[in-house]
Amino acid sequence: MSMQSLYDISDIQAISRGNNDFVLKMLKMFVDYTPHNVKEMKERYAAKDLTGMGELAHSIKPTIDSMGITAIKDTIREIEKTGRDKNDSPELPALLEKIEVTINDVVAAVKLDYPL
């Protein structure tokens, strides 16, 4: 997957109405907070706190959507549903890993593309 297609901030740009400082602030918040939230989500899973894992997935979901990270749009929803249903699926470790790797890749790409 090319770095360019990892994310699409056109939604953020649309709501910014041309305010580039707003766009940069949103990107900085993504870079600063999302990796930590993903790490915490994985820790909740490791502690068998499926409800907490699902709640974190729910809180990360709008960020993934607004950043246009289509590669994990369905994955985060699957983790959220699995947590809500308290279903310790054998697929969860791979799903969580996919989220973490993709978020880390997007963070790296954003840092290359924007002066944060």
N, C-alpha and C. Protein backbone atom coordinates (compact mmCIF):
# COMPACT_ATOMS: atom_id res chain seq x y z
N MET A 1 0.86 -1.18 0.00
CA MET A 1 0.00 0.00 0.00
C MET A 1 0.90 1.24 0.00
N SER A 2 0.63 2.15 -0.89
CA SER A 2 1.45 3.35 -0.95
C SER A 2 1.12 4.27 0.22
N MET A 3 2.11 5.06 0.60
CA MET A 3 1.89 5.99 1.71
C MET A 3 0.74 6.94 1.40
N GLN A 4 0.62 7.35 0.15
CA GLN A 4 -0.41 8.31 -0.24
C GLN A 4 -1.81 7.76 0.01
N SER A 5 -2.02 6.47 -0.21
CA SER A 5 -3.36 5.91 -0.05
C SER A 5 -3.64 5.40 1.37
N LEU A 6 -2.69 5.55 2.26
CA LEU A 6 -2.91 5.11 3.64
C LEU A 6 -4.00 5.92 4.33
N TYR A 7 -4.09 7.19 3.98
CA TYR A 7 -5.09 8.04 4.62
C TYR A 7 -5.55 9.12 3.64
N ASP A 8 -6.68 9.73 3.98
CA ASP A 8 -7.27 10.76 3.13
C ASP A 8 -7.95 11.78 4.05
N ILE A 9 -7.37 12.97 4.12
CA ILE A 9 -7.90 13.97 5.06
C ILE A 9 -8.88 14.93 4.41
N SER A 10 -9.47 14.53 3.29
CA SER A 10 -10.40 15.45 2.61
C SER A 10 -11.60 15.80 3.49
N ASP A 11 -12.06 14.88 4.35
CA ASP A 11 -13.17 15.20 5.26
C ASP A 11 -12.74 16.28 6.26
N ILE A 12 -11.54 16.15 6.80
CA ILE A 12 -11.04 17.15 7.75
C ILE A 12 -10.87 18.49 7.04
N GLN A 13 -10.34 18.46 5.83
CA GLN A 13 -10.16 19.70 5.08
C GLN A 13 -11.51 20.35 4.77
N ALA A 14 -12.52 19.54 4.49
CA ALA A 14 -13.85 20.08 4.19
C ALA A 14 -14.44 20.81 5.39
N ILE A 15 -14.34 20.20 6.58
CA ILE A 15 -14.92 20.86 7.75
C ILE A 15 -14.06 22.02 8.25
N SER A 16 -12.80 22.08 7.80
CA SER A 16 -11.91 23.16 8.24
C SER A 16 -12.22 24.48 7.53
N ARG A 17 -12.94 24.40 6.40
CA ARG A 17 -13.27 25.58 5.58
C ARG A 17 -12.03 26.41 5.26
N GLY A 18 -10.95 25.71 4.90
CA GLY A 18 -9.73 26.40 4.49
C GLY A 18 -8.81 26.81 5.62
N ASN A 19 -9.16 26.47 6.85
CA ASN A 19 -8.33 26.81 8.01
C ASN A 19 -7.24 25.74 8.17
N ASN A 20 -6.06 26.03 7.60
CA ASN A 20 -4.97 25.04 7.63
C ASN A 20 -4.49 24.76 9.05
N ASP A 21 -4.57 25.75 9.95
CA ASP A 21 -4.16 25.52 11.34
C ASP A 21 -5.04 24.45 11.98
N PHE A 22 -6.34 24.47 11.65
CA PHE A 22 -7.26 23.46 12.16
C PHE A 22 -6.85 22.07 11.67
N VAL A 23 -6.55 21.98 10.38
CA VAL A 23 -6.14 20.69 9.79
C VAL A 23 -4.89 20.18 10.50
N LEU A 24 -3.91 21.04 10.68
CA LEU A 24 -2.66 20.63 11.34
C LEU A 24 -2.91 20.22 12.80
N LYS A 25 -3.81 20.93 13.47
CA LYS A 25 -4.15 20.59 14.85
C LYS A 25 -4.79 19.20 14.92
N MET A 26 -5.69 18.91 13.98
CA MET A 26 -6.33 17.60 13.96
C MET A 26 -5.30 16.49 13.67
N LEU A 27 -4.39 16.76 12.74
CA LEU A 27 -3.35 15.78 12.42
C LEU A 27 -2.43 15.55 13.62
N LYS A 28 -2.09 16.63 14.31
CA LYS A 28 -1.23 16.51 15.50
C LYS A 28 -1.93 15.69 16.58
N MET A 29 -3.22 15.94 16.78
CA MET A 29 -3.97 15.15 17.77
C MET A 29 -3.97 13.67 17.39
N PHE A 30 -4.15 13.39 16.12
CA PHE A 30 -4.12 12.00 15.66
C PHE A 30 -2.76 11.36 15.99
N VAL A 31 -1.69 12.05 15.62
CA VAL A 31 -0.33 11.54 15.84
C VAL A 31 -0.04 11.36 17.33
N ASP A 32 -0.50 12.32 18.15
CA ASP A 32 -0.18 12.30 19.58
C ASP A 32 -1.01 11.28 20.37
N TYR A 33 -2.26 11.07 19.99
CA TYR A 33 -3.15 10.29 20.85
C TYR A 33 -3.53 8.91 20.33
N THR A 34 -3.67 8.76 19.03
CA THR A 34 -4.19 7.49 18.51
C THR A 34 -3.29 6.30 18.79
N PRO A 35 -1.96 6.40 18.59
CA PRO A 35 -1.12 5.23 18.92
C PRO A 35 -1.25 4.79 20.38
N HIS A 36 -1.37 5.76 21.28
CA HIS A 36 -1.54 5.43 22.71
C HIS A 36 -2.87 4.70 22.93
N ASN A 37 -3.93 5.17 22.29
CA ASN A 37 -5.24 4.53 22.44
C ASN A 37 -5.22 3.10 21.89
N VAL A 38 -4.52 2.89 20.78
CA VAL A 38 -4.41 1.55 20.21
C VAL A 38 -3.63 0.64 21.15
N LYS A 39 -2.56 1.15 21.73
CA LYS A 39 -1.76 0.37 22.69
C LYS A 39 -2.63 -0.01 23.89
N GLU A 40 -3.41 0.94 24.38
CA GLU A 40 -4.29 0.66 25.52
C GLU A 40 -5.36 -0.37 25.15
N MET A 41 -5.87 -0.31 23.92
CA MET A 41 -6.86 -1.27 23.46
C MET A 41 -6.25 -2.68 23.47
N LYS A 42 -5.01 -2.81 23.01
CA LYS A 42 -4.34 -4.12 23.03
C LYS A 42 -4.08 -4.60 24.46
N GLU A 43 -3.77 -3.67 25.35
CA GLU A 43 -3.56 -4.03 26.76
C GLU A 43 -4.85 -4.52 27.40
N ARG A 44 -5.95 -3.88 27.05
CA ARG A 44 -7.25 -4.34 27.57
C ARG A 44 -7.54 -5.77 27.10
N TYR A 45 -7.24 -6.03 25.83
CA TYR A 45 -7.44 -7.39 25.31
C TYR A 45 -6.56 -8.37 26.09
N ALA A 46 -5.30 -8.03 26.29
CA ALA A 46 -4.37 -8.91 27.00
C ALA A 46 -4.85 -9.19 28.42
N ALA A 47 -5.54 -8.21 29.01
CA ALA A 47 -6.07 -8.38 30.37
C ALA A 47 -7.45 -9.05 30.36
N LYS A 48 -7.89 -9.47 29.18
CA LYS A 48 -9.20 -10.11 28.98
C LYS A 48 -10.36 -9.17 29.33
N ASP A 49 -10.11 -7.87 29.22
CA ASP A 49 -11.16 -6.87 29.41
C ASP A 49 -11.75 -6.55 28.03
N LEU A 50 -12.60 -7.45 27.54
CA LEU A 50 -13.14 -7.30 26.20
C LEU A 50 -14.06 -6.08 26.09
N THR A 51 -14.79 -5.79 27.15
CA THR A 51 -15.67 -4.62 27.14
C THR A 51 -14.84 -3.35 27.00
N GLY A 52 -13.78 -3.23 27.78
CA GLY A 52 -12.90 -2.06 27.70
C GLY A 52 -12.24 -1.95 26.35
N MET A 53 -11.84 -3.09 25.79
CA MET A 53 -11.24 -3.11 24.45
C MET A 53 -12.24 -2.57 23.43
N GLY A 54 -13.48 -3.04 23.53
CA GLY A 54 -14.52 -2.60 22.59
C GLY A 54 -14.84 -1.13 22.73
N GLU A 55 -14.82 -0.63 23.97
CA GLU A 55 -15.07 0.80 24.21
C GLU A 55 -13.97 1.65 23.59
N LEU A 56 -12.73 1.21 23.72
CA LEU A 56 -11.63 1.95 23.09
C LEU A 56 -11.74 1.91 21.57
N ALA A 57 -12.12 0.76 21.03
CA ALA A 57 -12.33 0.66 19.58
C ALA A 57 -13.40 1.65 19.15
N HIS A 58 -14.46 1.75 19.94
CA HIS A 58 -15.54 2.69 19.64
C HIS A 58 -15.03 4.13 19.64
N SER A 59 -14.14 4.46 20.57
CA SER A 59 -13.64 5.83 20.66
C SER A 59 -12.63 6.15 19.55
N ILE A 60 -11.95 5.14 19.02
CA ILE A 60 -10.98 5.34 17.95
C ILE A 60 -11.66 5.41 16.58
N LYS A 61 -12.81 4.78 16.47
CA LYS A 61 -13.52 4.65 15.19
C LYS A 61 -13.73 5.98 14.46
N PRO A 62 -14.22 7.05 15.11
CA PRO A 62 -14.42 8.30 14.38
C PRO A 62 -13.12 8.90 13.84
N THR A 63 -12.03 8.68 14.56
CA THR A 63 -10.73 9.18 14.10
C THR A 63 -10.30 8.45 12.84
N ILE A 64 -10.47 7.14 12.83
CA ILE A 64 -10.13 6.34 11.65
C ILE A 64 -10.96 6.80 10.46
N ASP A 65 -12.24 7.06 10.71
CA ASP A 65 -13.13 7.51 9.64
C ASP A 65 -12.73 8.90 9.13
N SER A 66 -12.51 9.84 10.04
CA SER A 66 -12.21 11.21 9.60
C SER A 66 -10.84 11.32 8.94
N MET A 67 -9.94 10.40 9.29
CA MET A 67 -8.61 10.38 8.66
C MET A 67 -8.63 9.58 7.35
N GLY A 68 -9.78 9.02 7.01
CA GLY A 68 -9.90 8.29 5.75
C GLY A 68 -9.02 7.06 5.67
N ILE A 69 -8.85 6.37 6.80
CA ILE A 69 -8.00 5.17 6.84
C ILE A 69 -8.88 3.96 6.50
N THR A 70 -9.14 3.80 5.22
CA THR A 70 -10.09 2.78 4.77
C THR A 70 -9.62 1.35 5.02
N ALA A 71 -8.31 1.14 5.09
CA ALA A 71 -7.77 -0.21 5.26
C ALA A 71 -8.24 -0.87 6.55
N ILE A 72 -8.59 -0.06 7.57
CA ILE A 72 -9.00 -0.65 8.86
C ILE A 72 -10.39 -0.18 9.29
N LYS A 73 -11.14 0.41 8.38
CA LYS A 73 -12.48 0.90 8.71
C LYS A 73 -13.37 -0.25 9.22
N ASP A 74 -13.36 -1.38 8.53
CA ASP A 74 -14.16 -2.53 8.96
C ASP A 74 -13.52 -3.24 10.15
N THR A 75 -12.21 -3.26 10.20
CA THR A 75 -11.48 -3.97 11.27
C THR A 75 -11.81 -3.37 12.63
N ILE A 76 -11.80 -2.04 12.74
CA ILE A 76 -12.08 -1.40 14.04
C ILE A 76 -13.52 -1.67 14.47
N ARG A 77 -14.42 -1.74 13.50
CA ARG A 77 -15.83 -2.05 13.82
C ARG A 77 -15.98 -3.50 14.28
N GLU A 78 -15.21 -4.39 13.70
CA GLU A 78 -15.24 -5.79 14.12
C GLU A 78 -14.72 -5.94 15.55
N ILE A 79 -13.65 -5.22 15.87
CA ILE A 79 -13.12 -5.25 17.24
C ILE A 79 -14.15 -4.66 18.20
N GLU A 80 -14.77 -3.56 17.82
CA GLU A 80 -15.79 -2.93 18.66
C GLU A 80 -16.94 -3.91 18.94
N LYS A 81 -17.43 -4.56 17.90
CA LYS A 81 -18.55 -5.50 18.05
C LYS A 81 -18.13 -6.71 18.89
N THR A 82 -16.94 -7.22 18.66
CA THR A 82 -16.44 -8.36 19.42
C THR A 82 -16.37 -8.02 20.91
N GLY A 83 -15.91 -6.80 21.22
CA GLY A 83 -15.85 -6.37 22.61
C GLY A 83 -17.23 -6.20 23.21
N ARG A 84 -18.12 -5.59 22.45
CA ARG A 84 -19.50 -5.36 22.92
C ARG A 84 -20.19 -6.69 23.21
N ASP A 85 -19.94 -7.68 22.35
CA ASP A 85 -20.55 -9.00 22.51
C ASP A 85 -19.80 -9.89 23.49
N LYS A 86 -18.66 -9.39 24.01
CA LYS A 86 -17.79 -10.16 24.91
C LYS A 86 -17.42 -11.51 24.29
N ASN A 87 -17.08 -11.47 23.02
CA ASN A 87 -16.73 -12.67 22.26
C ASN A 87 -15.22 -12.71 22.07
N ASP A 88 -14.55 -13.57 22.83
CA ASP A 88 -13.09 -13.67 22.75
C ASP A 88 -12.70 -14.48 21.51
N SER A 89 -12.87 -13.86 20.38
CA SER A 89 -12.62 -14.51 19.09
C SER A 89 -11.14 -14.81 18.90
N PRO A 90 -10.82 -15.96 18.31
CA PRO A 90 -9.41 -16.27 18.01
C PRO A 90 -8.81 -15.33 16.97
N GLU A 91 -9.66 -14.58 16.27
CA GLU A 91 -9.18 -13.63 15.26
C GLU A 91 -8.71 -12.30 15.88
N LEU A 92 -9.05 -12.05 17.12
CA LEU A 92 -8.75 -10.74 17.74
C LEU A 92 -7.27 -10.36 17.70
N PRO A 93 -6.34 -11.23 18.05
CA PRO A 93 -4.93 -10.81 18.01
C PRO A 93 -4.52 -10.28 16.64
N ALA A 94 -4.93 -10.95 15.57
CA ALA A 94 -4.57 -10.51 14.22
C ALA A 94 -5.26 -9.18 13.88
N LEU A 95 -6.50 -9.02 14.31
CA LEU A 95 -7.23 -7.76 14.05
C LEU A 95 -6.56 -6.60 14.78
N LEU A 96 -6.19 -6.82 16.02
CA LEU A 96 -5.53 -5.78 16.81
C LEU A 96 -4.17 -5.43 16.21
N GLU A 97 -3.46 -6.43 15.75
CA GLU A 97 -2.16 -6.21 15.13
C GLU A 97 -2.31 -5.39 13.84
N LYS A 98 -3.34 -5.70 13.07
CA LYS A 98 -3.59 -4.95 11.83
C LYS A 98 -3.86 -3.47 12.15
N ILE A 99 -4.64 -3.22 13.19
CA ILE A 99 -4.92 -1.84 13.60
C ILE A 99 -3.62 -1.15 13.99
N GLU A 100 -2.83 -1.80 14.84
CA GLU A 100 -1.60 -1.18 15.33
C GLU A 100 -0.62 -0.88 14.20
N VAL A 101 -0.39 -1.83 13.33
CA VAL A 101 0.55 -1.65 12.22
C VAL A 101 0.07 -0.52 11.29
N THR A 102 -1.22 -0.53 10.97
CA THR A 102 -1.75 0.49 10.06
C THR A 102 -1.67 1.88 10.68
N ILE A 103 -2.04 2.00 11.96
CA ILE A 103 -1.97 3.31 12.63
C ILE A 103 -0.53 3.79 12.66
N ASN A 104 0.41 2.91 12.98
CA ASN A 104 1.82 3.31 13.00
C ASN A 104 2.30 3.76 11.62
N ASP A 105 1.85 3.07 10.58
CA ASP A 105 2.20 3.47 9.21
C ASP A 105 1.62 4.83 8.86
N VAL A 106 0.37 5.07 9.26
CA VAL A 106 -0.27 6.35 8.97
C VAL A 106 0.42 7.48 9.74
N VAL A 107 0.74 7.23 11.00
CA VAL A 107 1.47 8.24 11.80
C VAL A 107 2.77 8.60 11.10
N ALA A 108 3.51 7.61 10.65
CA ALA A 108 4.78 7.86 9.95
C ALA A 108 4.54 8.68 8.68
N ALA A 109 3.51 8.34 7.94
CA ALA A 109 3.20 9.05 6.70
C ALA A 109 2.79 10.49 6.97
N VAL A 110 1.96 10.70 7.98
CA VAL A 110 1.52 12.06 8.33
C VAL A 110 2.73 12.92 8.73
N LYS A 111 3.63 12.33 9.51
CA LYS A 111 4.82 13.07 9.94
C LYS A 111 5.70 13.46 8.74
N LEU A 112 5.72 12.60 7.72
CA LEU A 112 6.48 12.93 6.52
C LEU A 112 5.79 14.01 5.67
N ASP A 113 4.47 13.96 5.67
CA ASP A 113 3.69 14.84 4.79
C ASP A 113 3.41 16.22 5.36
N TYR A 114 3.44 16.37 6.69
CA TYR A 114 3.04 17.62 7.31
C TYR A 114 4.02 18.06 8.38
N PRO A 115 4.21 19.37 8.53
CA PRO A 115 5.13 19.89 9.55
C PRO A 115 4.42 19.98 10.91
N LEU A 116 4.48 18.92 11.67
CA LEU A 116 3.83 18.92 12.98
C LEU A 116 4.89 19.20 14.02
